[in-house]
Every structure is written in C-alpha cells, then in structure tokens.
Amino acid sequence: MNVNSSTSRVTATLPTEQVKMLKQLSLEHRIPSVNFAIRQAVDEYLKQLKKSQYETLMAEAANDDDFIQRTMSCAEDFAYVDSEVAGEW
C-alpha cells in the first residue's frame, strides 16, 4: 500500500469476534494496528479483483480473431529484433 496516498474515513461494520481478534493481535504486536490489518485486507481483496478482471479480459481476447491477428502481426514484426538479444535482459 502506498503510504503517501491520501486517505478517507469510512465506517464499516465487522463481526464483533473478528474485531476482538484484530485488537488482540494488535496488543500482542503481531499486527501494527486494527486499521493496518483492515487496510491490508482491502488492498489484497482489490488486487485479487483486478487480477480476476484481467484474466476475464484475456480469456475474451483469446476468442477475438482481430486481437489474435494483431498480436501475431506484432510478434512477427519484432521477431528479428528479439532474436538479437541473447537470453533475458
């Protein structure tokens, strides 16, 4: 998470038992704070959603003949340039 980004306050409702667990973890110094844990969880959730959206778009692209044709054309256009590089760079 970007610590330099602006933040906004929101009110969320969580199960009491989960909040108790988070507070206990914070008291045990296993997490910096309840807020930190919630922010991390939301960040991870959003990353997973973004990944899922990307996978859906790529699956759709795999069935798009125009996309396949453009991709193959680009691969052919750069085949010679790519062959000049030995190994990974």
N, C-alpha and C. Protein backbone atom coordinates (compact mmCIF):
# COMPACT_ATOMS: atom_id res chain seq x y z
N MET A 1 0.83 -1.18 0.00
CA MET A 1 0.00 0.00 0.00
C MET A 1 0.88 1.24 0.00
N ASN A 2 0.46 2.25 -0.71
CA ASN A 2 1.22 3.48 -0.81
C ASN A 2 0.94 4.35 0.42
N VAL A 3 1.93 4.54 1.26
CA VAL A 3 1.75 5.33 2.48
C VAL A 3 1.64 6.82 2.19
N ASN A 4 2.01 7.25 1.00
CA ASN A 4 1.93 8.66 0.64
C ASN A 4 0.59 9.05 0.03
N SER A 5 -0.30 8.09 -0.14
CA SER A 5 -1.58 8.40 -0.76
C SER A 5 -2.52 9.05 0.25
N SER A 6 -3.46 9.81 -0.26
CA SER A 6 -4.44 10.43 0.62
C SER A 6 -5.38 9.36 1.15
N THR A 7 -6.00 9.64 2.26
CA THR A 7 -6.90 8.67 2.87
C THR A 7 -8.26 9.31 3.11
N SER A 8 -9.25 8.46 3.28
CA SER A 8 -10.60 8.89 3.61
C SER A 8 -11.12 8.02 4.73
N ARG A 9 -11.91 8.60 5.58
CA ARG A 9 -12.53 7.83 6.65
C ARG A 9 -13.82 7.20 6.14
N VAL A 10 -14.03 5.96 6.52
CA VAL A 10 -15.28 5.28 6.22
C VAL A 10 -15.71 4.53 7.48
N THR A 11 -16.97 4.25 7.55
CA THR A 11 -17.49 3.44 8.64
C THR A 11 -17.82 2.07 8.08
N ALA A 12 -17.30 1.05 8.71
CA ALA A 12 -17.57 -0.31 8.27
C ALA A 12 -18.07 -1.11 9.47
N THR A 13 -18.89 -2.08 9.19
CA THR A 13 -19.40 -2.95 10.23
C THR A 13 -18.77 -4.32 10.05
N LEU A 14 -18.10 -4.79 11.10
CA LEU A 14 -17.45 -6.09 11.09
C LEU A 14 -18.00 -6.94 12.22
N PRO A 15 -17.94 -8.24 12.07
CA PRO A 15 -18.38 -9.10 13.17
C PRO A 15 -17.54 -8.83 14.43
N THR A 16 -18.21 -8.76 15.55
CA THR A 16 -17.56 -8.45 16.82
C THR A 16 -16.38 -9.36 17.10
N GLU A 17 -16.52 -10.64 16.83
CA GLU A 17 -15.45 -11.59 17.11
C GLU A 17 -14.20 -11.27 16.28
N GLN A 18 -14.39 -10.86 15.05
CA GLN A 18 -13.24 -10.50 14.21
C GLN A 18 -12.53 -9.27 14.75
N VAL A 19 -13.30 -8.29 15.19
CA VAL A 19 -12.71 -7.08 15.75
C VAL A 19 -11.93 -7.42 17.02
N LYS A 20 -12.48 -8.28 17.85
CA LYS A 20 -11.78 -8.71 19.07
C LYS A 20 -10.46 -9.40 18.71
N MET A 21 -10.50 -10.25 17.71
CA MET A 21 -9.28 -10.95 17.29
C MET A 21 -8.23 -9.96 16.79
N LEU A 22 -8.65 -8.98 16.00
CA LEU A 22 -7.72 -7.98 15.48
C LEU A 22 -7.12 -7.15 16.62
N LYS A 23 -7.95 -6.77 17.56
CA LYS A 23 -7.45 -6.00 18.70
C LYS A 23 -6.44 -6.81 19.50
N GLN A 24 -6.72 -8.09 19.68
CA GLN A 24 -5.80 -8.95 20.42
C GLN A 24 -4.47 -9.09 19.67
N LEU A 25 -4.55 -9.26 18.37
CA LEU A 25 -3.32 -9.34 17.57
C LEU A 25 -2.50 -8.05 17.67
N SER A 26 -3.19 -6.94 17.73
CA SER A 26 -2.51 -5.66 17.87
C SER A 26 -1.85 -5.55 19.25
N LEU A 27 -2.56 -5.96 20.29
CA LEU A 27 -2.00 -5.94 21.64
C LEU A 27 -0.76 -6.83 21.75
N GLU A 28 -0.77 -7.93 21.01
CA GLU A 28 0.35 -8.86 21.01
C GLU A 28 1.47 -8.42 20.06
N HIS A 29 1.27 -7.27 19.43
CA HIS A 29 2.24 -6.71 18.48
C HIS A 29 2.48 -7.64 17.28
N ARG A 30 1.46 -8.41 16.94
CA ARG A 30 1.56 -9.27 15.75
C ARG A 30 1.12 -8.51 14.51
N ILE A 31 0.35 -7.45 14.71
CA ILE A 31 -0.01 -6.50 13.65
C ILE A 31 0.17 -5.10 14.24
N PRO A 32 0.48 -4.11 13.40
CA PRO A 32 0.68 -2.76 13.93
C PRO A 32 -0.59 -2.16 14.53
N SER A 33 -1.73 -2.43 13.90
CA SER A 33 -3.00 -1.87 14.39
C SER A 33 -4.15 -2.57 13.69
N VAL A 34 -5.34 -2.37 14.24
CA VAL A 34 -6.55 -2.91 13.60
C VAL A 34 -6.72 -2.25 12.24
N ASN A 35 -6.54 -0.95 12.19
CA ASN A 35 -6.67 -0.21 10.94
C ASN A 35 -5.72 -0.75 9.88
N PHE A 36 -4.47 -1.02 10.27
CA PHE A 36 -3.49 -1.56 9.34
C PHE A 36 -3.98 -2.88 8.75
N ALA A 37 -4.47 -3.76 9.60
CA ALA A 37 -4.94 -5.08 9.13
C ALA A 37 -6.10 -4.94 8.16
N ILE A 38 -7.01 -4.04 8.46
CA ILE A 38 -8.16 -3.84 7.58
C ILE A 38 -7.71 -3.27 6.24
N ARG A 39 -6.79 -2.32 6.28
CA ARG A 39 -6.28 -1.74 5.03
C ARG A 39 -5.56 -2.79 4.20
N GLN A 40 -4.77 -3.63 4.84
CA GLN A 40 -4.06 -4.69 4.13
C GLN A 40 -5.06 -5.66 3.49
N ALA A 41 -6.10 -6.01 4.23
CA ALA A 41 -7.10 -6.94 3.72
C ALA A 41 -7.83 -6.36 2.51
N VAL A 42 -8.19 -5.09 2.59
CA VAL A 42 -8.87 -4.44 1.46
C VAL A 42 -7.93 -4.35 0.26
N ASP A 43 -6.68 -4.02 0.51
CA ASP A 43 -5.70 -3.94 -0.57
C ASP A 43 -5.57 -5.29 -1.28
N GLU A 44 -5.45 -6.36 -0.51
CA GLU A 44 -5.33 -7.70 -1.10
C GLU A 44 -6.60 -8.08 -1.87
N TYR A 45 -7.76 -7.74 -1.31
CA TYR A 45 -9.03 -8.03 -1.98
C TYR A 45 -9.11 -7.31 -3.33
N LEU A 46 -8.71 -6.04 -3.35
CA LEU A 46 -8.76 -5.28 -4.60
C LEU A 46 -7.77 -5.83 -5.63
N LYS A 47 -6.60 -6.26 -5.17
CA LYS A 47 -5.63 -6.88 -6.09
C LYS A 47 -6.22 -8.14 -6.72
N GLN A 48 -6.88 -8.95 -5.91
CA GLN A 48 -7.48 -10.18 -6.43
C GLN A 48 -8.59 -9.87 -7.43
N LEU A 49 -9.40 -8.86 -7.14
CA LEU A 49 -10.45 -8.47 -8.09
C LEU A 49 -9.86 -8.00 -9.41
N LYS A 50 -8.80 -7.19 -9.32
CA LYS A 50 -8.14 -6.67 -10.53
C LYS A 50 -7.56 -7.82 -11.35
N LYS A 51 -6.95 -8.78 -10.67
CA LYS A 51 -6.39 -9.95 -11.35
C LYS A 51 -7.49 -10.74 -12.04
N SER A 52 -8.60 -10.92 -11.36
CA SER A 52 -9.73 -11.66 -11.93
C SER A 52 -10.27 -10.94 -13.17
N GLN A 53 -10.39 -9.63 -13.09
CA GLN A 53 -10.86 -8.85 -14.24
C GLN A 53 -9.90 -9.00 -15.41
N TYR A 54 -8.60 -8.94 -15.14
CA TYR A 54 -7.59 -9.10 -16.19
C TYR A 54 -7.70 -10.48 -16.83
N GLU A 55 -7.85 -11.51 -16.01
CA GLU A 55 -7.98 -12.87 -16.55
C GLU A 55 -9.22 -13.01 -17.42
N THR A 56 -10.31 -12.37 -17.02
CA THR A 56 -11.54 -12.41 -17.82
C THR A 56 -11.31 -11.72 -19.17
N LEU A 57 -10.67 -10.55 -19.13
CA LEU A 57 -10.39 -9.83 -20.38
C LEU A 57 -9.47 -10.63 -21.30
N MET A 58 -8.48 -11.29 -20.73
CA MET A 58 -7.56 -12.08 -21.55
C MET A 58 -8.27 -13.30 -22.15
N ALA A 59 -9.18 -13.89 -21.39
CA ALA A 59 -9.94 -15.03 -21.91
C ALA A 59 -10.82 -14.58 -23.07
N GLU A 60 -11.40 -13.38 -22.95
CA GLU A 60 -12.21 -12.84 -24.04
C GLU A 60 -11.32 -12.53 -25.25
N ALA A 61 -10.15 -11.98 -25.00
CA ALA A 61 -9.23 -11.64 -26.09
C ALA A 61 -8.79 -12.89 -26.84
N ALA A 62 -8.66 -14.00 -26.13
CA ALA A 62 -8.23 -15.25 -26.77
C ALA A 62 -9.24 -15.73 -27.79
N ASN A 63 -10.47 -15.26 -27.68
CA ASN A 63 -11.52 -15.65 -28.63
C ASN A 63 -11.81 -14.55 -29.66
N ASP A 64 -11.00 -13.50 -29.65
CA ASP A 64 -11.18 -12.37 -30.55
C ASP A 64 -10.19 -12.51 -31.71
N ASP A 65 -10.71 -12.87 -32.89
CA ASP A 65 -9.84 -13.10 -34.04
C ASP A 65 -9.00 -11.88 -34.41
N ASP A 66 -9.58 -10.68 -34.32
CA ASP A 66 -8.83 -9.46 -34.63
C ASP A 66 -7.67 -9.27 -33.65
N PHE A 67 -7.92 -9.53 -32.38
CA PHE A 67 -6.86 -9.40 -31.37
C PHE A 67 -5.73 -10.39 -31.66
N ILE A 68 -6.09 -11.63 -31.97
CA ILE A 68 -5.09 -12.66 -32.26
C ILE A 68 -4.27 -12.25 -33.48
N GLN A 69 -4.94 -11.74 -34.50
CA GLN A 69 -4.24 -11.33 -35.73
C GLN A 69 -3.27 -10.18 -35.43
N ARG A 70 -3.70 -9.18 -34.67
CA ARG A 70 -2.81 -8.06 -34.32
C ARG A 70 -1.63 -8.54 -33.49
N THR A 71 -1.88 -9.44 -32.56
CA THR A 71 -0.81 -9.95 -31.70
C THR A 71 0.21 -10.72 -32.52
N MET A 72 -0.26 -11.57 -33.41
CA MET A 72 0.65 -12.36 -34.25
C MET A 72 1.44 -11.45 -35.18
N SER A 73 0.80 -10.42 -35.71
CA SER A 73 1.47 -9.47 -36.58
C SER A 73 2.58 -8.75 -35.83
N CYS A 74 2.31 -8.32 -34.61
CA CYS A 74 3.34 -7.66 -33.78
C CYS A 74 4.48 -8.62 -33.48
N ALA A 75 4.15 -9.85 -33.17
CA ALA A 75 5.19 -10.84 -32.87
C ALA A 75 6.10 -11.03 -34.08
N GLU A 76 5.51 -11.08 -35.28
CA GLU A 76 6.30 -11.23 -36.50
C GLU A 76 7.15 -9.99 -36.75
N ASP A 77 6.56 -8.80 -36.51
CA ASP A 77 7.29 -7.56 -36.73
C ASP A 77 8.54 -7.46 -35.84
N PHE A 78 8.48 -7.98 -34.64
CA PHE A 78 9.59 -7.86 -33.70
C PHE A 78 10.44 -9.13 -33.59
N ALA A 79 10.15 -10.13 -34.40
CA ALA A 79 10.88 -11.39 -34.31
C ALA A 79 12.38 -11.20 -34.52
N TYR A 80 12.75 -10.39 -35.50
CA TYR A 80 14.16 -10.18 -35.79
C TYR A 80 14.84 -9.42 -34.64
N VAL A 81 14.20 -8.37 -34.16
CA VAL A 81 14.77 -7.57 -33.07
C VAL A 81 14.93 -8.41 -31.83
N ASP A 82 13.94 -9.23 -31.51
CA ASP A 82 14.01 -10.09 -30.33
C ASP A 82 15.14 -11.11 -30.45
N SER A 83 15.44 -11.56 -31.68
CA SER A 83 16.48 -12.56 -31.85
C SER A 83 17.88 -11.99 -31.60
N GLU A 84 18.02 -10.65 -31.63
CA GLU A 84 19.32 -10.04 -31.40
C GLU A 84 19.73 -10.06 -29.93
N VAL A 85 18.78 -10.27 -29.05
CA VAL A 85 19.05 -10.26 -27.62
C VAL A 85 19.28 -11.70 -27.17
N ALA A 86 20.45 -11.96 -26.64
CA ALA A 86 20.76 -13.31 -26.15
C ALA A 86 20.30 -13.45 -24.72
N GLY A 87 19.48 -14.42 -24.44
CA GLY A 87 19.00 -14.64 -23.08
C GLY A 87 18.02 -13.58 -22.66
N GLU A 88 17.85 -13.44 -21.36
CA GLU A 88 16.95 -12.42 -20.84
C GLU A 88 17.71 -11.16 -20.54
N TRP A 89 17.09 -10.03 -20.68
CA TRP A 89 17.74 -8.77 -20.39
C TRP A 89 16.94 -8.10 -19.38
